[in-house]
Each structure stands twice: as structure tokens, then as C-alpha cells.
Amino acid sequence: MEEEIVITKAGVGDEVGIAFVRKETWLATYPNEKLGITKANILEKDFESKEKLEEWAKTIKENGLKDRFVVCAKHNGKIVGFGAGGKEECCNELRALYLLPKWHRKGIGRRLVESVLQWLGKEKKIIVKVAEYNDNAIGFYKKFGFVENRNKSETKIMPSGKVIPEIEMEFENKGIKGSCP
């Protein structure tokens, strides 16, 4: 029997679970020996501070009403993953997709992405930024029809100064062209 996962719009109180999932998935995904990025570097990030939790709580309070949307995957009421999207002036963005490793390859990431893409709509191009060495994520997004574009993406800079280089991938909606700066 398959374990039931409920996909739901993030609500009040979900910020703690979201911050935990984000931290755990960063620890599982972003350390990179070649770039000298360690788990200790990742833990320097501000995942679960009071300020970060307040930011998430504000986003959740306005969830879907303005330009941000967050959806959670829950198992027995506990957050095991989340996706987030943002509507920008020039294009829309799949801003986050994080899923605890135990829950990979069960269709949950696909369901989260589909929820965010549905909310983002079809009036603008959609982009996603991915660590250039995260081959699993790049392959995952390609299955949705995202393609690497030529735009340089900003990089994530860790508190230690270590850099996670990113690429930008885009998903064209209704043939709309153009790029976000």
C-alpha cells in the first residue's frame, strides 16, 4: 500500500516544516567537494532563524493572494516537501522545489511542480534556477519541458563566501518569448 501524500497550499504554522525541509535538502544536495562546499558551509545559512521563519510566515499569510505561492507535500500532517512560485513583471519563476530524499522518485516532486505551474498560469514564460552540478534536478525539469537557456543566472553565495553556480532553465508558455533580466 502506497503511503498517502497530501498536496496542499501552505498555511499558518507551516513555516517551521518548510524551513526544516529546506535545510535538510540543502544538506543532501549542495555539498560539493570540487567547489569546496561542505555541510558546515551549508549550515552557516540562515534556515531556521527567527527572521527567516517570520519571512516564511509573511509569505504564507499572503499565499496566492499577491505574487507568491507556496504548496506543501504532507505525510500524516508532517511536511516532507514544498514548492514555491513567484510572479515577476517579465516572467514567472518556479522559485523552489525541495523534497526530503526519503520521498524522492515517488511522484511527489512532479505533483508539487504541477501545482506551482498551474498557479503561475500560462501568460508568461516560466524560469527555474538550478545549481549547475545538480544533474538530478536538471534532468527532472527537462522532463517537464524546461530547457537550459543562455541567460547567466546569479549564483548563490554562502555566508562563507563559497559559491553555488546556477544555470537558468525556461519553460515556454503559449510561445511567449523573452527573458527575465
C-alpha atoms as a PDB file:
ATOM      1  CA  MET A   1       0.000   0.000   0.000  1.00  0.00           C
ATOM      2  CA  GLU A   2       1.384   3.381  -1.062  1.00  0.00           C
ATOM      3  CA  GLU A   3       1.891   5.978   1.648  1.00  0.00           C
ATOM      4  CA  GLU A   4      -0.576   8.825   1.274  1.00  0.00           C
ATOM      5  CA  ILE A   5       0.842  12.239   0.497  1.00  0.00           C
ATOM      6  CA  VAL A   6      -1.435  15.262   0.557  1.00  0.00           C
ATOM      7  CA  ILE A   7      -0.507  18.289  -1.553  1.00  0.00           C
ATOM      8  CA  THR A   8      -1.942  21.442  -0.028  1.00  0.00           C
ATOM      9  CA  LYS A   9      -1.457  25.199  -0.124  1.00  0.00           C
ATOM     10  CA  ALA A  10       0.888  26.203   2.718  1.00  0.00           C
ATOM     11  CA  GLY A  11      -0.917  27.551   5.739  1.00  0.00           C
ATOM     12  CA  VAL A  12      -0.279  29.229   9.063  1.00  0.00           C
ATOM     13  CA  GLY A  13       2.255  27.263  11.078  1.00  0.00           C
ATOM     14  CA  ASP A  14       3.843  25.525   8.066  1.00  0.00           C
ATOM     15  CA  GLU A  15       6.896  27.793   8.139  1.00  0.00           C
ATOM     16  CA  VAL A  16       8.765  25.573  10.637  1.00  0.00           C
ATOM     17  CA  GLY A  17       8.306  22.442   8.490  1.00  0.00           C
ATOM     18  CA  ILE A  18       9.240  24.342   5.330  1.00  0.00           C
ATOM     19  CA  ALA A  19      12.450  25.670   6.922  1.00  0.00           C
ATOM     20  CA  PHE A  20      13.364  22.174   8.145  1.00  0.00           C
ATOM     21  CA  VAL A  21      12.805  20.589   4.715  1.00  0.00           C
ATOM     22  CA  ARG A  22      14.804  23.354   3.031  1.00  0.00           C
ATOM     23  CA  LYS A  23      17.740  22.850   5.420  1.00  0.00           C
ATOM     24  CA  GLU A  24      17.739  19.057   5.108  1.00  0.00           C
ATOM     25  CA  THR A  25      17.513  19.097   1.322  1.00  0.00           C
ATOM     26  CA  TRP A  26      20.305  21.661   1.054  1.00  0.00           C
ATOM     27  CA  LEU A  27      22.481  19.396   3.219  1.00  0.00           C
ATOM     28  CA  ALA A  28      21.679  16.438   0.954  1.00  0.00           C
ATOM     29  CA  THR A  29      22.062  18.319  -2.342  1.00  0.00           C
ATOM     30  CA  TYR A  30      24.552  21.169  -2.305  1.00  0.00           C
ATOM     31  CA  PRO A  31      27.813  19.997  -0.687  1.00  0.00           C
ATOM     32  CA  ASN A  32      30.369  19.730  -3.489  1.00  0.00           C
ATOM     33  CA  GLU A  33      33.925  18.550  -2.955  1.00  0.00           C
ATOM     34  CA  LYS A  34      35.204  20.073  -6.222  1.00  0.00           C
ATOM     35  CA  LEU A  35      33.898  23.527  -5.252  1.00  0.00           C
ATOM     36  CA  GLY A  36      34.905  23.109  -1.602  1.00  0.00           C
ATOM     37  CA  ILE A  37      31.318  23.413  -0.355  1.00  0.00           C
ATOM     38  CA  THR A  38      30.897  21.393   2.824  1.00  0.00           C
ATOM     39  CA  LYS A  39      27.931  20.563   5.035  1.00  0.00           C
ATOM     40  CA  ALA A  40      29.411  23.017   7.544  1.00  0.00           C
ATOM     41  CA  ASN A  41      29.194  25.749   4.856  1.00  0.00           C
ATOM     42  CA  ILE A  42      25.549  24.850   4.250  1.00  0.00           C
ATOM     43  CA  LEU A  43      24.752  25.003   7.979  1.00  0.00           C
ATOM     44  CA  GLU A  44      26.065  28.599   8.061  1.00  0.00           C
ATOM     45  CA  LYS A  45      22.908  29.587   6.149  1.00  0.00           C
ATOM     46  CA  ASP A  46      20.014  31.182   7.909  1.00  0.00           C
ATOM     47  CA  PHE A  47      17.422  28.379   7.544  1.00  0.00           C
ATOM     48  CA  GLU A  48      15.583  28.317  10.853  1.00  0.00           C
ATOM     49  CA  SER A  49      16.307  31.681  12.462  1.00  0.00           C
ATOM     50  CA  LYS A  50      13.501  33.773  13.885  1.00  0.00           C
ATOM     51  CA  GLU A  51      13.874  36.213  10.984  1.00  0.00           C
ATOM     52  CA  LYS A  52      13.701  33.501   8.322  1.00  0.00           C
ATOM     53  CA  LEU A  53      10.647  31.918   9.978  1.00  0.00           C
ATOM     54  CA  GLU A  54       8.974  35.345  10.086  1.00  0.00           C
ATOM     55  CA  GLU A  55       9.684  35.794   6.342  1.00  0.00           C
ATOM     56  CA  TRP A  56       8.088  32.414   5.597  1.00  0.00           C
ATOM     57  CA  ALA A  57       5.119  33.228   7.861  1.00  0.00           C
ATOM     58  CA  LYS A  58       4.550  36.517   5.981  1.00  0.00           C
ATOM     59  CA  THR A  59       4.742  34.759   2.608  1.00  0.00           C
ATOM     60  CA  ILE A  60       2.297  32.095   3.807  1.00  0.00           C
ATOM     61  CA  LYS A  61      -0.106  34.702   5.211  1.00  0.00           C
ATOM     62  CA  GLU A  62      -0.318  36.258   1.737  1.00  0.00           C
ATOM     63  CA  ASN A  63      -0.054  32.872  -0.019  1.00  0.00           C
ATOM     64  CA  GLY A  64      -1.505  33.066  -3.509  1.00  0.00           C
ATOM     65  CA  LEU A  65      -3.034  36.488  -2.956  1.00  0.00           C
ATOM     66  CA  LYS A  66      -0.236  38.542  -4.457  1.00  0.00           C
ATOM     67  CA  ASP A  67       2.839  37.419  -6.326  1.00  0.00           C
ATOM     68  CA  ARG A  68       3.986  34.417  -4.243  1.00  0.00           C
ATOM     69  CA  PHE A  69       2.628  30.892  -3.843  1.00  0.00           C
ATOM     70  CA  VAL A  70       3.783  28.008  -1.632  1.00  0.00           C
ATOM     71  CA  VAL A  71       2.442  24.464  -1.694  1.00  0.00           C
ATOM     72  CA  CYS A  72       3.386  21.635   0.690  1.00  0.00           C
ATOM     73  CA  ALA A  73       3.533  17.859   0.479  1.00  0.00           C
ATOM     74  CA  LYS A  74       2.437  16.354   3.785  1.00  0.00           C
ATOM     75  CA  HIS A  75       2.552  12.834   5.147  1.00  0.00           C
ATOM     76  CA  ASN A  76       0.475  12.309   8.298  1.00  0.00           C
ATOM     77  CA  GLY A  77       0.346  16.100   8.682  1.00  0.00           C
ATOM     78  CA  LYS A  78       4.140  16.497   8.550  1.00  0.00           C
ATOM     79  CA  ILE A  79       5.753  18.492   5.728  1.00  0.00           C
ATOM     80  CA  VAL A  80       8.042  16.307   3.595  1.00  0.00           C
ATOM     81  CA  GLY A  81       8.419  18.721   0.686  1.00  0.00           C
ATOM     82  CA  PHE A  82       7.344  22.040  -0.748  1.00  0.00           C
ATOM     83  CA  GLY A  83       7.292  24.055  -3.930  1.00  0.00           C
ATOM     84  CA  ALA A  84       7.151  27.814  -4.388  1.00  0.00           C
ATOM     85  CA  GLY A  85       6.479  30.133  -7.279  1.00  0.00           C
ATOM     86  CA  GLY A  86       6.663  33.828  -7.924  1.00  0.00           C
ATOM     87  CA  LYS A  87       5.071  36.100 -10.487  1.00  0.00           C
ATOM     88  CA  GLU A  88       7.509  38.685 -11.773  1.00  0.00           C
ATOM     89  CA  GLU A  89       6.992  41.554 -14.217  1.00  0.00           C
ATOM     90  CA  CYS A  90       8.872  39.966 -17.100  1.00  0.00           C
ATOM     91  CA  CYS A  91       8.304  36.265 -16.439  1.00  0.00           C
ATOM     92  CA  ASN A  92       7.218  33.840 -13.761  1.00  0.00           C
ATOM     93  CA  GLU A  93       9.544  31.701 -11.680  1.00  0.00           C
ATOM     94  CA  LEU A  94       9.466  28.296 -10.091  1.00  0.00           C
ATOM     95  CA  ARG A  95      11.407  29.551  -7.079  1.00  0.00           C
ATOM     96  CA  ALA A  96      11.805  26.395  -5.009  1.00  0.00           C
ATOM     97  CA  LEU A  97      11.240  22.672  -5.052  1.00  0.00           C
ATOM     98  CA  TYR A  98      12.528  20.799  -2.042  1.00  0.00           C
ATOM     99  CA  LEU A  99      11.678  17.243  -1.078  1.00  0.00           C
ATOM    100  CA  LEU A 100      13.271  15.162   1.668  1.00  0.00           C
ATOM    101  CA  PRO A 101      15.427  12.472  -0.001  1.00  0.00           C
ATOM    102  CA  LYS A 102      13.366   9.636   1.502  1.00  0.00           C
ATOM    103  CA  TRP A 103      10.435  10.802  -0.635  1.00  0.00           C
ATOM    104  CA  HIS A 104      12.247  11.092  -3.994  1.00  0.00           C
ATOM    105  CA  ARG A 105      11.065   9.085  -7.008  1.00  0.00           C
ATOM    106  CA  LYS A 106       7.511   8.681  -5.736  1.00  0.00           C
ATOM    107  CA  GLY A 107       5.842  11.296  -7.970  1.00  0.00           C
ATOM    108  CA  ILE A 108       5.641  13.887  -5.193  1.00  0.00           C
ATOM    109  CA  GLY A 109       8.040  16.380  -6.813  1.00  0.00           C
ATOM    110  CA  ARG A 110       6.029  16.147 -10.031  1.00  0.00           C
ATOM    111  CA  ARG A 111       2.816  16.902  -8.125  1.00  0.00           C
ATOM    112  CA  LEU A 112       4.404  19.889  -6.380  1.00  0.00           C
ATOM    113  CA  VAL A 113       5.737  21.311  -9.660  1.00  0.00           C
ATOM    114  CA  GLU A 114       2.389  20.804 -11.380  1.00  0.00           C
ATOM    115  CA  SER A 115       0.649  22.713  -8.561  1.00  0.00           C
ATOM    116  CA  VAL A 116       3.058  25.632  -8.814  1.00  0.00           C
ATOM    117  CA  LEU A 117       2.936  25.705 -12.629  1.00  0.00           C
ATOM    118  CA  GLN A 118      -0.866  25.725 -12.536  1.00  0.00           C
ATOM    119  CA  TRP A 119      -0.843  28.712 -10.165  1.00  0.00           C
ATOM    120  CA  LEU A 120       1.743  30.549 -12.278  1.00  0.00           C
ATOM    121  CA  GLY A 121      -0.515  30.258 -15.298  1.00  0.00           C
ATOM    122  CA  LYS A 122       0.247  30.374 -18.990  1.00  0.00           C
ATOM    123  CA  GLU A 123       0.508  34.076 -19.735  1.00  0.00           C
ATOM    124  CA  LYS A 124       4.280  34.315 -19.230  1.00  0.00           C
ATOM    125  CA  LYS A 125       7.409  32.294 -19.677  1.00  0.00           C
ATOM    126  CA  ILE A 126       8.453  30.378 -16.539  1.00  0.00           C
ATOM    127  CA  ILE A 127      12.051  30.049 -15.386  1.00  0.00           C
ATOM    128  CA  VAL A 128      13.770  27.944 -12.742  1.00  0.00           C
ATOM    129  CA  LYS A 129      17.317  28.376 -11.429  1.00  0.00           C
ATOM    130  CA  VAL A 130      19.249  25.202 -10.643  1.00  0.00           C
ATOM    131  CA  ALA A 131      22.714  24.501  -9.236  1.00  0.00           C
ATOM    132  CA  GLU A 132      24.732  23.685 -12.338  1.00  0.00           C
ATOM    133  CA  TYR A 133      26.026  20.478 -10.736  1.00  0.00           C
ATOM    134  CA  ASN A 134      22.589  19.224  -9.673  1.00  0.00           C
ATOM    135  CA  ASP A 135      22.164  16.757 -12.538  1.00  0.00           C
ATOM    136  CA  ASN A 136      19.144  15.096 -10.901  1.00  0.00           C
ATOM    137  CA  ALA A 137      17.209  18.377 -10.768  1.00  0.00           C
ATOM    138  CA  ILE A 138      18.249  19.370 -14.290  1.00  0.00           C
ATOM    139  CA  GLY A 139      17.024  16.015 -15.636  1.00  0.00           C
ATOM    140  CA  PHE A 140      13.819  16.312 -13.615  1.00  0.00           C
ATOM    141  CA  TYR A 141      12.999  19.753 -15.029  1.00  0.00           C
ATOM    142  CA  LYS A 142      13.827  18.631 -18.567  1.00  0.00           C
ATOM    143  CA  LYS A 143      11.064  16.011 -18.234  1.00  0.00           C
ATOM    144  CA  PHE A 144       8.629  18.921 -17.806  1.00  0.00           C
ATOM    145  CA  GLY A 145       9.935  20.626 -20.934  1.00  0.00           C
ATOM    146  CA  PHE A 146      12.312  23.077 -19.292  1.00  0.00           C
ATOM    147  CA  VAL A 147      15.436  23.761 -21.352  1.00  0.00           C
ATOM    148  CA  GLU A 148      18.696  25.422 -20.419  1.00  0.00           C
ATOM    149  CA  ASN A 149      18.847  28.950 -21.776  1.00  0.00           C
ATOM    150  CA  ARG A 150      21.779  31.211 -22.431  1.00  0.00           C
ATOM    151  CA  ASN A 151      20.997  33.672 -19.665  1.00  0.00           C
ATOM    152  CA  LYS A 152      23.543  33.747 -16.912  1.00  0.00           C
ATOM    153  CA  SER A 153      21.925  33.128 -13.589  1.00  0.00           C
ATOM    154  CA  GLU A 154      23.007  34.713 -10.366  1.00  0.00           C
ATOM    155  CA  THR A 155      24.838  32.375  -8.081  1.00  0.00           C
ATOM    156  CA  LYS A 156      24.024  31.501  -4.512  1.00  0.00           C
ATOM    157  CA  ILE A 157      26.736  32.887  -2.279  1.00  0.00           C
ATOM    158  CA  MET A 158      27.126  31.171   1.062  1.00  0.00           C
ATOM    159  CA  PRO A 159      27.955  33.104   4.261  1.00  0.00           C
ATOM    160  CA  SER A 160      31.477  31.625   3.988  1.00  0.00           C
ATOM    161  CA  GLY A 161      31.851  33.189   0.538  1.00  0.00           C
ATOM    162  CA  LYS A 162      31.614  29.805  -1.206  1.00  0.00           C
ATOM    163  CA  VAL A 163      29.591  29.977  -4.414  1.00  0.00           C
ATOM    164  CA  ILE A 164      26.952  27.594  -5.747  1.00  0.00           C
ATOM    165  CA  PRO A 165      26.926  28.303  -9.510  1.00  0.00           C
ATOM    166  CA  GLU A 166      23.471  28.206 -11.079  1.00  0.00           C
ATOM    167  CA  ILE A 167      22.015  27.809 -14.516  1.00  0.00           C
ATOM    168  CA  GLU A 168      18.659  29.111 -15.657  1.00  0.00           C
ATOM    169  CA  MET A 169      16.155  26.858 -17.367  1.00  0.00           C
ATOM    170  CA  GLU A 170      12.999  28.057 -19.065  1.00  0.00           C
ATOM    171  CA  PHE A 171       9.611  26.685 -19.890  1.00  0.00           C
ATOM    172  CA  GLU A 172       7.839  28.469 -22.707  1.00  0.00           C
ATOM    173  CA  ASN A 173       4.129  29.079 -22.292  1.00  0.00           C
ATOM    174  CA  LYS A 174       1.977  29.647 -25.388  1.00  0.00           C
ATOM    175  CA  GLY A 175       5.022  30.574 -27.438  1.00  0.00           C
ATOM    176  CA  ILE A 176       5.707  33.714 -25.390  1.00  0.00           C
ATOM    177  CA  LYS A 177       9.366  34.644 -25.764  1.00  0.00           C
ATOM    178  CA  GLY A 178      11.646  36.909 -23.828  1.00  0.00           C
ATOM    179  CA  SER A 179      13.735  36.658 -20.732  1.00  0.00           C
ATOM    180  CA  CYS A 180      13.948  37.963 -17.267  1.00  0.00           C
ATOM    181  CA  PRO A 181      16.963  40.139 -16.632  1.00  0.00           C
END
